[in-house]
N, C-alpha and C. Protein backbone atom coordinates (compact mmCIF):
# COMPACT_ATOMS: atom_id res chain seq x y z
N MET A 1 -12.16 -15.48 22.54
CA MET A 1 -10.95 -14.82 22.08
C MET A 1 -11.06 -13.32 22.39
N GLN A 2 -10.02 -12.77 22.94
CA GLN A 2 -10.03 -11.36 23.29
C GLN A 2 -9.84 -10.50 22.06
N ILE A 3 -10.43 -9.31 22.09
CA ILE A 3 -10.39 -8.41 20.93
C ILE A 3 -8.98 -7.88 20.69
N ASP A 4 -8.17 -7.72 21.76
CA ASP A 4 -6.82 -7.21 21.56
C ASP A 4 -5.91 -8.24 20.90
N LYS A 5 -6.25 -9.50 21.02
CA LYS A 5 -5.50 -10.54 20.32
C LYS A 5 -5.93 -10.65 18.86
N LEU A 6 -7.14 -10.19 18.56
CA LEU A 6 -7.67 -10.26 17.20
C LEU A 6 -7.18 -9.10 16.34
N ILE A 7 -7.06 -7.93 16.93
CA ILE A 7 -6.62 -6.76 16.16
C ILE A 7 -5.10 -6.66 16.27
N THR A 8 -4.44 -7.23 15.30
CA THR A 8 -2.98 -7.18 15.21
C THR A 8 -2.58 -6.51 13.91
N GLY A 9 -1.31 -6.20 13.77
CA GLY A 9 -0.83 -5.58 12.54
C GLY A 9 -1.06 -6.46 11.33
N GLU A 10 -0.88 -7.77 11.51
CA GLU A 10 -1.07 -8.68 10.39
C GLU A 10 -2.52 -8.71 9.93
N ASN A 11 -3.45 -8.77 10.88
CA ASN A 11 -4.88 -8.84 10.52
C ASN A 11 -5.36 -7.54 9.89
N VAL A 12 -4.92 -6.41 10.44
CA VAL A 12 -5.32 -5.12 9.87
C VAL A 12 -4.76 -4.98 8.46
N SER A 13 -3.51 -5.41 8.27
CA SER A 13 -2.91 -5.29 6.93
C SER A 13 -3.61 -6.20 5.93
N LEU A 14 -4.03 -7.38 6.33
CA LEU A 14 -4.77 -8.25 5.42
C LEU A 14 -6.12 -7.65 5.06
N ALA A 15 -6.80 -7.06 6.05
CA ALA A 15 -8.09 -6.41 5.76
C ALA A 15 -7.91 -5.24 4.80
N LEU A 16 -6.88 -4.42 5.03
CA LEU A 16 -6.62 -3.30 4.12
C LEU A 16 -6.26 -3.78 2.72
N PHE A 17 -5.49 -4.85 2.64
CA PHE A 17 -5.11 -5.37 1.33
C PHE A 17 -6.34 -5.79 0.53
N PHE A 18 -7.26 -6.49 1.18
CA PHE A 18 -8.45 -6.94 0.46
C PHE A 18 -9.42 -5.80 0.17
N ILE A 19 -9.39 -4.74 0.97
CA ILE A 19 -10.16 -3.54 0.62
C ILE A 19 -9.59 -2.93 -0.66
N GLY A 20 -8.26 -2.90 -0.78
CA GLY A 20 -7.62 -2.42 -2.00
C GLY A 20 -7.93 -3.29 -3.20
N VAL A 21 -7.93 -4.60 -3.01
CA VAL A 21 -8.28 -5.51 -4.10
C VAL A 21 -9.71 -5.27 -4.56
N TYR A 22 -10.62 -5.08 -3.61
CA TYR A 22 -12.01 -4.78 -3.97
C TYR A 22 -12.09 -3.49 -4.77
N GLY A 23 -11.33 -2.48 -4.36
CA GLY A 23 -11.34 -1.21 -5.08
C GLY A 23 -10.84 -1.35 -6.51
N ILE A 24 -9.86 -2.22 -6.72
CA ILE A 24 -9.34 -2.45 -8.07
C ILE A 24 -10.37 -3.19 -8.92
N ILE A 25 -11.00 -4.20 -8.35
CA ILE A 25 -11.91 -5.05 -9.11
C ILE A 25 -13.25 -4.37 -9.36
N ALA A 26 -13.80 -3.71 -8.35
CA ALA A 26 -15.18 -3.25 -8.44
C ALA A 26 -15.35 -1.86 -9.05
N ARG A 27 -14.32 -1.07 -9.08
CA ARG A 27 -14.46 0.31 -9.54
C ARG A 27 -13.83 0.49 -10.91
N ARG A 28 -14.50 1.30 -11.74
CA ARG A 28 -13.98 1.58 -13.08
C ARG A 28 -13.29 2.93 -13.15
N ASN A 29 -13.30 3.67 -12.06
CA ASN A 29 -12.71 4.99 -12.02
C ASN A 29 -11.19 4.85 -11.91
N ILE A 30 -10.46 5.55 -12.75
CA ILE A 30 -9.01 5.44 -12.77
C ILE A 30 -8.41 5.98 -11.48
N LEU A 31 -8.92 7.09 -10.99
CA LEU A 31 -8.40 7.68 -9.76
C LEU A 31 -8.62 6.76 -8.56
N LYS A 32 -9.78 6.12 -8.50
CA LYS A 32 -10.04 5.17 -7.41
C LYS A 32 -9.14 3.95 -7.51
N SER A 33 -8.78 3.56 -8.73
CA SER A 33 -7.84 2.45 -8.90
C SER A 33 -6.46 2.81 -8.38
N ILE A 34 -6.03 4.04 -8.63
CA ILE A 34 -4.73 4.49 -8.13
C ILE A 34 -4.74 4.53 -6.60
N ILE A 35 -5.82 5.02 -6.01
CA ILE A 35 -5.94 5.05 -4.55
C ILE A 35 -5.96 3.64 -3.98
N SER A 36 -6.63 2.72 -4.66
CA SER A 36 -6.67 1.33 -4.20
C SER A 36 -5.29 0.69 -4.24
N LEU A 37 -4.52 0.99 -5.27
CA LEU A 37 -3.15 0.48 -5.32
C LEU A 37 -2.30 1.04 -4.18
N SER A 38 -2.50 2.29 -3.83
CA SER A 38 -1.77 2.88 -2.71
C SER A 38 -2.17 2.24 -1.39
N ILE A 39 -3.45 1.93 -1.23
CA ILE A 39 -3.90 1.24 -0.02
C ILE A 39 -3.27 -0.15 0.07
N MET A 40 -3.20 -0.84 -1.05
CA MET A 40 -2.58 -2.17 -1.06
C MET A 40 -1.10 -2.08 -0.71
N GLN A 41 -0.42 -1.08 -1.24
CA GLN A 41 1.00 -0.90 -0.95
C GLN A 41 1.22 -0.60 0.53
N ALA A 42 0.39 0.26 1.11
CA ALA A 42 0.52 0.58 2.54
C ALA A 42 0.24 -0.65 3.41
N SER A 43 -0.69 -1.48 2.98
CA SER A 43 -0.99 -2.69 3.78
C SER A 43 0.17 -3.69 3.72
N ILE A 44 0.83 -3.77 2.58
CA ILE A 44 1.98 -4.67 2.49
C ILE A 44 3.11 -4.18 3.38
N ILE A 45 3.33 -2.88 3.42
CA ILE A 45 4.37 -2.32 4.29
C ILE A 45 4.02 -2.58 5.75
N LEU A 46 2.77 -2.39 6.13
CA LEU A 46 2.34 -2.67 7.51
C LEU A 46 2.54 -4.14 7.84
N PHE A 47 2.23 -5.02 6.90
CA PHE A 47 2.38 -6.45 7.14
C PHE A 47 3.84 -6.82 7.40
N PHE A 48 4.75 -6.32 6.57
CA PHE A 48 6.16 -6.66 6.75
C PHE A 48 6.73 -6.05 8.03
N LEU A 49 6.26 -4.89 8.43
CA LEU A 49 6.76 -4.29 9.67
C LEU A 49 6.20 -4.97 10.92
N SER A 50 5.04 -5.58 10.81
CA SER A 50 4.42 -6.18 11.98
C SER A 50 4.70 -7.68 12.12
N ILE A 51 5.37 -8.28 11.16
CA ILE A 51 5.70 -9.70 11.27
C ILE A 51 6.69 -9.90 12.42
N ARG A 52 6.42 -10.86 13.23
CA ARG A 52 7.27 -11.26 14.35
C ARG A 52 7.53 -10.14 15.34
N HIS A 53 6.64 -9.18 15.43
CA HIS A 53 6.81 -8.09 16.39
C HIS A 53 6.18 -8.47 17.72
N THR A 54 6.92 -8.25 18.78
CA THR A 54 6.38 -8.44 20.13
C THR A 54 6.58 -7.15 20.92
N ASP A 55 5.87 -7.04 22.02
CA ASP A 55 5.97 -5.83 22.84
C ASP A 55 7.30 -5.75 23.59
N GLN A 56 8.00 -6.86 23.71
CA GLN A 56 9.24 -6.87 24.45
C GLN A 56 10.45 -6.48 23.59
N MET A 57 10.28 -6.32 22.30
CA MET A 57 11.41 -5.99 21.41
C MET A 57 11.89 -4.56 21.65
N VAL A 58 13.20 -4.40 21.57
CA VAL A 58 13.81 -3.07 21.72
C VAL A 58 14.52 -2.72 20.43
N PRO A 59 14.67 -1.43 20.12
CA PRO A 59 15.40 -1.05 18.91
C PRO A 59 16.88 -1.41 19.03
N PRO A 60 17.52 -1.73 17.91
CA PRO A 60 18.92 -2.14 17.96
C PRO A 60 19.88 -0.94 18.03
N ILE A 61 19.69 -0.09 19.00
CA ILE A 61 20.52 1.11 19.17
C ILE A 61 21.08 1.11 20.58
N GLY A 62 22.37 1.34 20.69
CA GLY A 62 22.99 1.47 21.99
C GLY A 62 23.87 0.29 22.34
N ILE A 63 24.45 0.39 23.52
CA ILE A 63 25.38 -0.64 24.01
C ILE A 63 24.70 -1.38 25.16
N GLY A 64 24.96 -2.68 25.24
CA GLY A 64 24.43 -3.45 26.34
C GLY A 64 22.94 -3.71 26.21
N LEU A 65 22.52 -4.11 25.05
CA LEU A 65 21.10 -4.39 24.84
C LEU A 65 20.71 -5.67 25.56
N THR A 66 19.60 -5.61 26.25
CA THR A 66 19.09 -6.81 26.90
C THR A 66 17.73 -7.13 26.31
N GLY A 67 17.43 -8.38 26.21
CA GLY A 67 16.14 -8.79 25.66
C GLY A 67 16.22 -9.00 24.16
N GLU A 68 15.06 -9.18 23.59
CA GLU A 68 14.96 -9.44 22.15
C GLU A 68 15.07 -8.13 21.37
N VAL A 69 15.93 -8.15 20.35
CA VAL A 69 16.18 -6.95 19.55
C VAL A 69 15.38 -7.03 18.26
N ALA A 70 14.77 -5.91 17.86
CA ALA A 70 14.00 -5.86 16.62
C ALA A 70 14.95 -5.94 15.43
N ASP A 71 14.52 -6.63 14.39
CA ASP A 71 15.33 -6.78 13.19
C ASP A 71 15.25 -5.50 12.36
N PRO A 72 16.37 -4.84 12.07
CA PRO A 72 16.32 -3.58 11.32
C PRO A 72 16.19 -3.77 9.81
N LEU A 73 16.42 -4.97 9.29
CA LEU A 73 16.37 -5.18 7.84
C LEU A 73 14.98 -4.92 7.25
N PRO A 74 13.90 -5.47 7.81
CA PRO A 74 12.57 -5.15 7.23
C PRO A 74 12.26 -3.66 7.28
N GLN A 75 12.72 -2.97 8.33
CA GLN A 75 12.47 -1.54 8.43
C GLN A 75 13.19 -0.79 7.32
N ALA A 76 14.43 -1.16 7.04
CA ALA A 76 15.18 -0.50 5.97
C ALA A 76 14.55 -0.80 4.61
N LEU A 77 14.12 -2.02 4.40
CA LEU A 77 13.49 -2.36 3.13
C LEU A 77 12.16 -1.65 2.94
N MET A 78 11.42 -1.45 4.01
CA MET A 78 10.12 -0.79 3.89
C MET A 78 10.28 0.72 3.68
N ILE A 79 11.36 1.32 4.17
CA ILE A 79 11.62 2.72 3.85
C ILE A 79 11.84 2.85 2.35
N THR A 80 12.58 1.92 1.78
CA THR A 80 12.79 1.91 0.33
C THR A 80 11.46 1.70 -0.40
N ALA A 81 10.63 0.81 0.10
CA ALA A 81 9.33 0.56 -0.53
C ALA A 81 8.43 1.78 -0.47
N ILE A 82 8.51 2.55 0.61
CA ILE A 82 7.71 3.78 0.72
C ILE A 82 8.14 4.78 -0.34
N VAL A 83 9.44 4.95 -0.51
CA VAL A 83 9.95 5.89 -1.52
C VAL A 83 9.53 5.46 -2.92
N ILE A 84 9.64 4.18 -3.22
CA ILE A 84 9.23 3.67 -4.53
C ILE A 84 7.73 3.82 -4.71
N GLY A 85 6.95 3.55 -3.67
CA GLY A 85 5.49 3.69 -3.75
C GLY A 85 5.05 5.12 -4.01
N VAL A 86 5.71 6.08 -3.37
CA VAL A 86 5.38 7.48 -3.60
C VAL A 86 5.71 7.86 -5.04
N SER A 87 6.83 7.36 -5.54
CA SER A 87 7.21 7.65 -6.93
C SER A 87 6.23 7.05 -7.92
N VAL A 88 5.81 5.83 -7.68
CA VAL A 88 4.85 5.18 -8.57
C VAL A 88 3.51 5.89 -8.53
N THR A 89 3.08 6.31 -7.35
CA THR A 89 1.82 7.05 -7.24
C THR A 89 1.90 8.38 -7.97
N ALA A 90 3.01 9.09 -7.81
CA ALA A 90 3.17 10.37 -8.51
C ALA A 90 3.17 10.18 -10.02
N LEU A 91 3.85 9.16 -10.49
CA LEU A 91 3.89 8.88 -11.93
C LEU A 91 2.50 8.49 -12.45
N SER A 92 1.79 7.66 -11.71
CA SER A 92 0.46 7.24 -12.18
C SER A 92 -0.53 8.41 -12.15
N LEU A 93 -0.42 9.31 -11.18
CA LEU A 93 -1.29 10.48 -11.17
C LEU A 93 -0.97 11.42 -12.32
N THR A 94 0.31 11.53 -12.68
CA THR A 94 0.69 12.34 -13.83
C THR A 94 0.14 11.74 -15.12
N MET A 95 0.23 10.43 -15.25
CA MET A 95 -0.32 9.75 -16.43
C MET A 95 -1.84 9.90 -16.46
N PHE A 96 -2.47 9.82 -15.29
CA PHE A 96 -3.92 9.99 -15.22
C PHE A 96 -4.33 11.38 -15.68
N THR A 97 -3.58 12.39 -15.26
CA THR A 97 -3.90 13.77 -15.63
C THR A 97 -3.84 13.96 -17.14
N SER A 98 -2.79 13.44 -17.76
CA SER A 98 -2.69 13.59 -19.22
C SER A 98 -3.75 12.76 -19.93
N LEU A 99 -4.09 11.59 -19.40
CA LEU A 99 -5.13 10.75 -19.99
C LEU A 99 -6.50 11.44 -19.88
N TYR A 100 -6.74 12.08 -18.75
CA TYR A 100 -8.01 12.78 -18.57
C TYR A 100 -8.11 13.98 -19.52
N HIS A 101 -7.02 14.71 -19.68
CA HIS A 101 -7.05 15.85 -20.59
C HIS A 101 -7.21 15.42 -22.05
N LYS A 102 -6.68 14.26 -22.38
CA LYS A 102 -6.76 13.79 -23.76
C LYS A 102 -8.13 13.20 -24.09
N TYR A 103 -8.68 12.39 -23.18
CA TYR A 103 -9.93 11.68 -23.46
C TYR A 103 -11.14 12.21 -22.70
N GLY A 104 -10.94 13.02 -21.68
CA GLY A 104 -12.05 13.65 -20.97
C GLY A 104 -12.89 12.73 -20.12
N SER A 105 -12.31 11.63 -19.64
CA SER A 105 -13.07 10.71 -18.81
C SER A 105 -12.16 10.07 -17.77
N THR A 106 -12.75 9.66 -16.64
CA THR A 106 -12.00 8.92 -15.63
C THR A 106 -12.40 7.45 -15.59
N ASN A 107 -13.24 7.04 -16.50
CA ASN A 107 -13.74 5.67 -16.56
C ASN A 107 -12.86 4.86 -17.51
N TRP A 108 -12.40 3.69 -17.03
CA TRP A 108 -11.54 2.84 -17.85
C TRP A 108 -12.21 2.44 -19.16
N LYS A 109 -13.47 2.03 -19.10
CA LYS A 109 -14.16 1.55 -20.30
C LYS A 109 -14.39 2.66 -21.32
N LYS A 110 -14.75 3.85 -20.84
CA LYS A 110 -14.97 4.96 -21.76
C LYS A 110 -13.67 5.39 -22.45
N VAL A 111 -12.59 5.38 -21.72
CA VAL A 111 -11.28 5.73 -22.31
C VAL A 111 -10.89 4.68 -23.35
N LYS A 112 -11.14 3.42 -23.03
CA LYS A 112 -10.82 2.34 -23.97
C LYS A 112 -11.66 2.47 -25.23
N GLN A 113 -12.94 2.81 -25.10
CA GLN A 113 -13.79 3.00 -26.28
C GLN A 113 -13.33 4.18 -27.10
N LYS A 114 -12.95 5.27 -26.48
CA LYS A 114 -12.49 6.44 -27.21
C LYS A 114 -11.14 6.18 -27.90
N ARG A 115 -10.30 5.37 -27.27
CA ARG A 115 -9.03 5.01 -27.91
C ARG A 115 -9.26 4.13 -29.11
N GLY A 116 -10.26 3.28 -29.05
CA GLY A 116 -10.56 2.40 -30.18
C GLY A 116 -11.14 3.13 -31.36
N ASP A 117 -11.79 4.27 -31.12
CA ASP A 117 -12.39 5.05 -32.21
C ASP A 117 -11.34 5.79 -33.03
N GLN A 118 -10.18 6.05 -32.45
CA GLN A 118 -9.17 6.85 -33.16
C GLN A 118 -8.35 6.02 -34.11
């Protein structure tokens, strides 16, 4: 099997998704969890944009298109997903900042123990 057939958008996005899952499961740091969620979100966007993509596809712009035309719907949906992902990341970082100032830790377990003491 040739290496160029192995490295596709779908395979890269699956590898990135599982790297994000590992970051969520294996790390107790809140900031690393937020970064892992962002990696997972980016991999999902890459996966949806690379589904059914071929090199012969042309953008759906202009008159007299010949050949296979790329579907613009996944692209429009992924632009929306990017905006929502940036908003969720900004909100979670804001919550992280206030949580860090209140409890003085970035570790999930330590914050949970300190919350239980109050």
